[in-house]
N, C-alpha and C. Protein backbone atom coordinates (compact mmCIF):
# COMPACT_ATOMS: atom_id res chain seq x y z
N UNK A 1 -58.32 17.57 -12.45
CA UNK A 1 -57.25 18.46 -12.53
C UNK A 1 -56.75 19.46 -12.23
N UNK A 2 -55.65 19.91 -12.15
CA UNK A 2 -55.31 21.61 -11.33
C UNK A 2 -54.89 22.27 -12.46
N UNK A 3 -55.66 23.71 -12.58
CA UNK A 3 -55.20 24.13 -13.79
C UNK A 3 -54.60 25.55 -13.68
N UNK A 4 -54.67 25.78 -12.04
CA UNK A 4 -53.66 26.93 -11.54
C UNK A 4 -52.49 26.47 -11.98
N UNK A 5 -51.74 25.27 -11.59
CA UNK A 5 -50.39 25.47 -12.69
C UNK A 5 -49.90 26.05 -13.32
N UNK A 6 -50.54 25.54 -14.38
CA UNK A 6 -50.97 26.05 -16.33
C UNK A 6 -50.76 27.34 -15.91
N UNK A 7 -52.21 27.78 -15.47
CA UNK A 7 -52.21 29.52 -15.54
C UNK A 7 -51.06 30.21 -15.11
N UNK A 8 -50.42 30.16 -13.81
CA UNK A 8 -50.02 30.64 -13.58
C UNK A 8 -47.91 30.67 -13.95
N UNK A 9 -48.14 29.65 -14.65
CA UNK A 9 -46.85 29.00 -14.92
C UNK A 9 -46.89 30.08 -16.57
N UNK A 10 -48.26 30.29 -17.34
CA UNK A 10 -48.41 30.77 -18.29
C UNK A 10 -48.43 32.27 -18.10
N UNK A 11 -48.59 32.60 -16.70
CA UNK A 11 -48.61 34.45 -16.65
C UNK A 11 -46.95 34.54 -16.52
N UNK A 12 -46.23 33.79 -16.04
CA UNK A 12 -44.71 33.86 -15.46
C UNK A 12 -44.13 33.66 -17.32
N UNK A 13 -44.56 32.97 -17.75
CA UNK A 13 -43.69 32.68 -19.38
C UNK A 13 -44.23 33.97 -20.08
N UNK A 14 -45.37 34.86 -19.82
CA UNK A 14 -45.71 35.81 -20.41
C UNK A 14 -44.76 37.27 -20.09
N UNK A 15 -44.88 36.91 -18.67
CA UNK A 15 -44.07 38.21 -17.98
C UNK A 15 -42.14 38.29 -18.30
N UNK A 16 -42.29 37.14 -18.46
CA UNK A 16 -40.67 37.10 -19.16
C UNK A 16 -40.47 38.03 -20.51
N UNK A 17 -41.58 37.14 -21.41
CA UNK A 17 -41.78 37.68 -22.83
C UNK A 17 -41.37 39.09 -22.72
N UNK A 18 -42.30 39.31 -22.31
CA UNK A 18 -42.72 40.79 -22.12
C UNK A 18 -41.29 41.70 -21.57
N UNK A 19 -40.50 41.23 -20.16
CA UNK A 19 -39.92 42.33 -20.34
C UNK A 19 -38.64 42.14 -21.25
N UNK A 20 -38.36 41.35 -21.59
CA UNK A 20 -37.63 40.91 -23.10
C UNK A 20 -37.98 41.96 -24.05
N UNK A 21 -38.98 42.24 -24.14
CA UNK A 21 -39.71 42.80 -25.68
C UNK A 21 -39.26 44.36 -25.24
N UNK A 22 -39.62 44.68 -23.64
CA UNK A 22 -39.43 45.92 -23.24
C UNK A 22 -38.10 46.10 -23.02
N UNK A 23 -37.57 45.45 -22.73
CA UNK A 23 -35.90 45.51 -22.50
C UNK A 23 -35.56 46.19 -23.89
N UNK A 24 -35.42 45.20 -24.49
CA UNK A 24 -35.03 45.02 -26.25
C UNK A 24 -35.60 46.28 -26.91
N UNK A 25 -36.89 46.88 -26.77
CA UNK A 25 -37.00 47.93 -26.97
C UNK A 25 -35.94 49.20 -26.76
N UNK A 26 -36.21 49.40 -25.17
CA UNK A 26 -35.45 50.25 -24.22
C UNK A 26 -34.16 50.36 -25.12
N UNK A 27 -33.15 49.27 -25.21
CA UNK A 27 -31.92 48.90 -25.66
C UNK A 27 -31.88 49.31 -27.12
N UNK A 28 -32.59 49.53 -28.11
CA UNK A 28 -32.66 49.76 -29.51
C UNK A 28 -33.12 51.13 -29.40
N UNK A 29 -33.49 51.43 -28.71
CA UNK A 29 -33.85 53.28 -28.60
C UNK A 29 -33.18 54.36 -27.72
N UNK A 30 -32.50 54.01 -26.84
CA UNK A 30 -31.13 54.42 -26.60
C UNK A 30 -30.43 54.29 -27.42
N UNK A 31 -29.95 53.51 -28.11
CA UNK A 31 -28.86 53.37 -29.50
C UNK A 31 -29.16 54.20 -30.28
N UNK A 32 -30.59 54.46 -30.71
CA UNK A 32 -30.84 55.75 -31.76
C UNK A 32 -30.94 56.62 -30.82
N UNK A 33 -30.97 57.34 -30.19
CA UNK A 33 -30.74 58.21 -29.16
C UNK A 33 -29.47 58.26 -29.11
N UNK A 34 -28.46 57.96 -28.47
CA UNK A 34 -26.79 58.14 -28.33
C UNK A 34 -26.41 58.52 -30.12
N UNK A 35 -27.19 57.78 -31.09
CA UNK A 35 -26.45 58.44 -32.74
C UNK A 35 -27.24 59.66 -33.21
N UNK A 36 -28.38 59.80 -32.75
CA UNK A 36 -28.98 60.89 -33.02
C UNK A 36 -28.30 62.12 -32.51
N UNK A 37 -27.70 61.82 -31.20
CA UNK A 37 -27.20 62.55 -30.47
C UNK A 37 -25.97 63.31 -30.76
N UNK A 38 -24.80 62.29 -31.16
CA UNK A 38 -23.38 62.23 -31.70
C UNK A 38 -23.97 63.10 -32.87
N UNK A 39 -25.02 62.75 -33.79
CA UNK A 39 -25.21 63.50 -35.54
C UNK A 39 -25.10 64.49 -35.07
N UNK A 40 -26.01 65.27 -34.22
CA UNK A 40 -26.48 66.43 -34.45
C UNK A 40 -25.16 66.87 -33.91
N UNK A 41 -24.83 66.55 -33.14
CA UNK A 41 -23.24 67.40 -32.01
C UNK A 41 -22.67 67.54 -33.40
N UNK A 42 -22.08 66.46 -34.09
CA UNK A 42 -21.26 66.82 -35.41
C UNK A 42 -21.81 67.55 -36.59
N UNK A 43 -22.79 67.77 -36.81
CA UNK A 43 -23.27 68.99 -37.84
C UNK A 43 -23.62 69.97 -36.90
N UNK A 44 -23.96 69.77 -35.76
CA UNK A 44 -23.80 71.63 -34.97
C UNK A 44 -22.50 71.97 -34.94
N UNK A 45 -21.28 71.16 -35.21
CA UNK A 45 -20.26 71.85 -34.99
C UNK A 45 -19.67 72.13 -36.11
N UNK A 46 -19.89 71.58 -36.89
CA UNK A 46 -19.83 72.05 -38.55
C UNK A 46 -20.61 73.64 -39.02
N UNK A 47 -21.76 73.24 -38.42
CA UNK A 47 -22.53 74.60 -39.14
C UNK A 47 -21.96 75.93 -38.20
N UNK A 48 -21.94 75.47 -36.77
CA UNK A 48 -21.31 77.02 -35.91
C UNK A 48 -20.25 76.51 -34.94
N UNK A 49 -18.74 76.26 -35.91
CA UNK A 49 -17.68 75.95 -35.26
C UNK A 49 -16.98 76.79 -34.16
N UNK A 50 -17.46 78.14 -34.24
CA UNK A 50 -17.34 79.02 -33.26
C UNK A 50 -17.96 78.92 -32.01
N UNK A 51 -19.05 77.99 -31.79
CA UNK A 51 -19.35 77.38 -30.49
C UNK A 51 -18.59 76.25 -30.19
N UNK A 52 -18.09 75.62 -30.69
CA UNK A 52 -17.27 74.28 -30.46
C UNK A 52 -16.27 74.66 -30.37
N UNK A 53 -15.45 75.82 -30.34
CA UNK A 53 -14.10 76.50 -30.47
C UNK A 53 -13.03 76.13 -31.67
N UNK A 54 -13.57 75.89 -32.56
CA UNK A 54 -13.11 75.52 -34.01
C UNK A 54 -13.06 76.86 -34.99
N UNK A 55 -12.14 76.87 -35.57
CA UNK A 55 -12.13 77.49 -36.70
C UNK A 55 -13.05 77.49 -38.40
N UNK A 56 -13.58 75.95 -38.21
CA UNK A 56 -14.22 76.53 -39.57
C UNK A 56 -14.14 74.46 -39.51
N UNK A 57 -14.78 73.97 -40.79
CA UNK A 57 -14.86 72.61 -40.83
C UNK A 57 -13.02 72.45 -41.29
N UNK A 58 -12.61 71.10 -40.87
CA UNK A 58 -11.07 70.50 -40.76
C UNK A 58 -11.43 70.03 -42.30
N UNK A 59 -10.41 70.54 -43.17
CA UNK A 59 -10.27 70.27 -44.57
C UNK A 59 -11.07 70.77 -45.52
N UNK A 60 -11.98 71.83 -44.78
CA UNK A 60 -12.90 72.12 -45.80
C UNK A 60 -12.61 73.63 -46.80
N UNK A 61 -10.72 74.23 -46.32
CA UNK A 61 -10.76 74.70 -47.12
C UNK A 61 -9.31 74.93 -47.67
N UNK A 62 -9.28 74.86 -48.95
CA UNK A 62 -7.96 74.79 -49.93
C UNK A 62 -6.70 75.05 -49.48
N UNK A 63 -6.71 75.55 -48.61
CA UNK A 63 -5.38 76.42 -47.73
C UNK A 63 -4.71 75.23 -47.06
N UNK A 64 -6.14 74.74 -46.52
CA UNK A 64 -5.78 73.51 -45.32
C UNK A 64 -5.55 72.17 -45.95
N UNK A 65 -6.25 71.96 -46.66
CA UNK A 65 -6.45 70.81 -47.23
C UNK A 65 -5.61 70.25 -48.46
N UNK A 66 -4.92 71.75 -49.28
CA UNK A 66 -3.89 71.43 -50.34
C UNK A 66 -5.02 71.10 -51.29
N UNK A 67 -4.41 71.89 -52.74
CA UNK A 67 -5.18 71.85 -53.68
C UNK A 67 -4.76 70.96 -54.58
N UNK A 68 -5.51 70.86 -55.80
CA UNK A 68 -4.69 70.31 -56.83
C UNK A 68 -3.92 71.15 -57.96
N UNK A 69 -2.98 71.07 -58.35
CA UNK A 69 -1.74 71.40 -59.33
C UNK A 69 -1.68 70.79 -60.61
N UNK A 70 -2.21 71.30 -61.94
CA UNK A 70 -1.89 69.96 -62.88
C UNK A 70 -0.02 70.32 -62.87
N UNK A 71 0.29 69.37 -63.86
CA UNK A 71 1.43 68.56 -64.12
C UNK A 71 2.01 68.91 -64.66
N UNK A 72 1.02 68.77 -65.85
CA UNK A 72 1.33 69.09 -67.38
C UNK A 72 0.40 69.97 -68.66
N UNK A 73 0.95 70.62 -69.44
CA UNK A 73 0.18 71.44 -70.10
C UNK A 73 -1.34 70.85 -70.74
N UNK A 74 -2.00 71.41 -70.66
CA UNK A 74 -3.39 70.70 -71.13
C UNK A 74 -3.58 70.86 -72.60
N UNK A 75 -2.68 71.48 -73.90
CA UNK A 75 -2.40 70.60 -74.99
C UNK A 75 -2.09 69.39 -75.01
N UNK A 76 -0.93 69.56 -74.08
CA UNK A 76 -0.30 68.16 -73.71
C UNK A 76 -0.93 66.67 -73.91
N UNK A 77 -2.03 66.82 -73.26
CA UNK A 77 -2.92 65.98 -72.92
C UNK A 77 -3.54 65.09 -73.81
N UNK A 78 -3.69 65.86 -75.60
CA UNK A 78 -4.67 65.40 -76.28
C UNK A 78 -3.52 65.48 -77.11
N UNK A 79 -2.46 65.41 -77.10
CA UNK A 79 -1.57 64.73 -78.94
C UNK A 79 -1.30 63.64 -78.16
N UNK A 80 -0.84 63.01 -79.36
CA UNK A 80 -0.75 61.27 -79.48
C UNK A 80 0.24 60.75 -79.72
């Protein structure tokens, strides 16, 4: 009975499994780091808009985003 074939095949299967495992982890880590970078850039642009050539958080000012204005008197809301 020749056992060298089973050992070599087992080692090759383990190598393929390890390769997929490592490649999958690099993929996940790469996606994670990409998302952390995007989030950090977005937070940095909001915290320090002058560094990114912006005047401030877009829509953060009532003059830019608009403000709510009442359409009727407060007393009329509570009348039956």
